Amino acid sequence: MPTDEQWMRRALELASRCAEHGDVPIGAVVVRDDQEIGAAGNERELRRDPTAHAEILAVRKQRSGMPLAHPALDRARTDRAPQKA
């Protein structure tokens, strides 16, 4: 079972790669049941996208393949009625 320190080292590893493409060195790891389910480093400069923060990208990767850790949160996202324009 990985420790918190090991997960932090993983985030630091991702952060160190950001400098290679001119981004602020920040890494984020999403963990569930001691498994990495999403991870990313900042890519704002690389993508020229102001929303490409490490945390956002890691959650997007997590969302692409797994439900949220709390089923009620997942339902809240999918059960919303479409908003009128």
Protein backbone atom coordinates (compact mmCIF):
# COMPACT_ATOMS: atom_id res chain seq x y z
CA MET A 1 0.00 0.00 0.00
CA PRO A 2 1.58 3.30 -1.06
CA THR A 3 2.06 5.91 1.63
CA ASP A 4 1.12 9.59 1.47
CA GLU A 5 4.80 10.35 1.00
CA GLN A 6 4.96 8.07 -2.04
CA TRP A 7 1.93 9.80 -3.58
CA MET A 8 3.57 13.17 -2.94
CA ARG A 9 6.74 11.93 -4.66
CA ARG A 10 4.58 10.94 -7.65
CA ALA A 11 3.09 14.46 -7.74
CA LEU A 12 6.60 15.95 -7.53
CA GLU A 13 7.71 13.72 -10.40
CA LEU A 14 4.86 15.06 -12.53
CA ALA A 15 5.67 18.61 -11.44
CA SER A 16 9.32 18.30 -12.47
CA ARG A 17 8.26 17.53 -16.05
CA CYS A 18 6.37 20.84 -16.31
CA ALA A 19 9.53 22.92 -16.46
CA GLU A 20 10.47 21.14 -19.70
CA HIS A 21 7.66 22.98 -21.47
CA GLY A 22 7.73 26.25 -19.53
CA ASP A 23 4.92 25.61 -17.08
CA VAL A 24 4.79 26.23 -13.34
CA PRO A 25 5.97 22.97 -11.71
CA ILE A 26 2.80 21.59 -10.12
CA GLY A 27 1.66 17.98 -10.20
CA ALA A 28 -1.58 16.39 -9.02
CA VAL A 29 -2.55 12.78 -8.36
CA VAL A 30 -6.10 11.48 -7.80
CA VAL A 31 -6.08 8.33 -5.65
CA ARG A 32 -8.88 5.94 -4.84
CA ASP A 33 -8.51 2.73 -2.85
CA ASP A 34 -4.73 3.12 -2.96
CA GLN A 35 -4.74 3.23 -6.78
CA GLU A 36 -3.78 6.13 -9.01
CA ILE A 37 -6.82 6.92 -11.12
CA GLY A 38 -5.78 10.30 -12.48
CA ALA A 39 -2.54 12.25 -12.63
CA ALA A 40 -1.19 15.27 -14.48
CA GLY A 41 1.15 18.20 -14.36
CA ASN A 42 0.43 21.79 -15.33
CA GLU A 43 0.05 22.23 -19.08
CA ARG A 44 -1.25 25.81 -19.28
CA GLU A 45 1.65 27.04 -21.41
CA LEU A 46 2.00 23.83 -23.40
CA ARG A 47 -1.67 23.81 -24.42
CA ARG A 48 -2.11 27.59 -24.33
CA ASP A 49 -5.14 26.86 -22.18
CA PRO A 50 -5.71 28.84 -18.98
CA THR A 51 -7.75 25.96 -17.52
CA ALA A 52 -5.02 23.32 -17.96
CA HIS A 53 -3.99 23.31 -14.30
CA ALA A 54 -2.61 20.04 -12.96
CA GLU A 55 -5.57 19.52 -10.65
CA ILE A 56 -8.14 20.06 -13.39
CA LEU A 57 -6.33 17.76 -15.83
CA ALA A 58 -5.95 15.01 -13.21
CA VAL A 59 -9.66 15.13 -12.39
CA ARG A 60 -10.56 15.12 -16.10
CA LYS A 61 -8.44 11.99 -16.57
CA GLN A 62 -10.09 10.41 -13.55
CA ARG A 63 -13.56 11.30 -14.81
CA SER A 64 -12.90 9.78 -18.20
CA GLY A 65 -12.83 6.28 -16.78
CA MET A 66 -14.32 6.05 -13.31
CA PRO A 67 -17.18 7.36 -11.18
CA LEU A 68 -16.48 9.87 -8.43
CA ALA A 69 -15.58 8.50 -5.01
CA HIS A 70 -19.00 9.48 -3.67
CA PRO A 71 -21.99 8.26 -5.72
CA ALA A 72 -24.19 11.18 -4.64
CA LEU A 73 -21.75 13.61 -6.24
CA ASP A 74 -21.83 11.64 -9.47
CA ARG A 75 -25.65 11.67 -9.47
CA ALA A 76 -25.68 15.40 -8.81
CA ARG A 77 -23.63 15.91 -11.96
CA THR A 78 -25.77 13.70 -14.18
CA ASP A 79 -29.24 14.33 -12.71
CA ARG A 80 -29.29 18.07 -13.33
CA ALA A 81 -31.93 19.31 -15.68
CA PRO A 82 -30.65 21.05 -18.80
CA GLN A 83 -30.47 24.78 -18.36
CA LYS A 84 -32.47 27.02 -20.68
CA ALA A 85 -30.50 29.35 -22.91
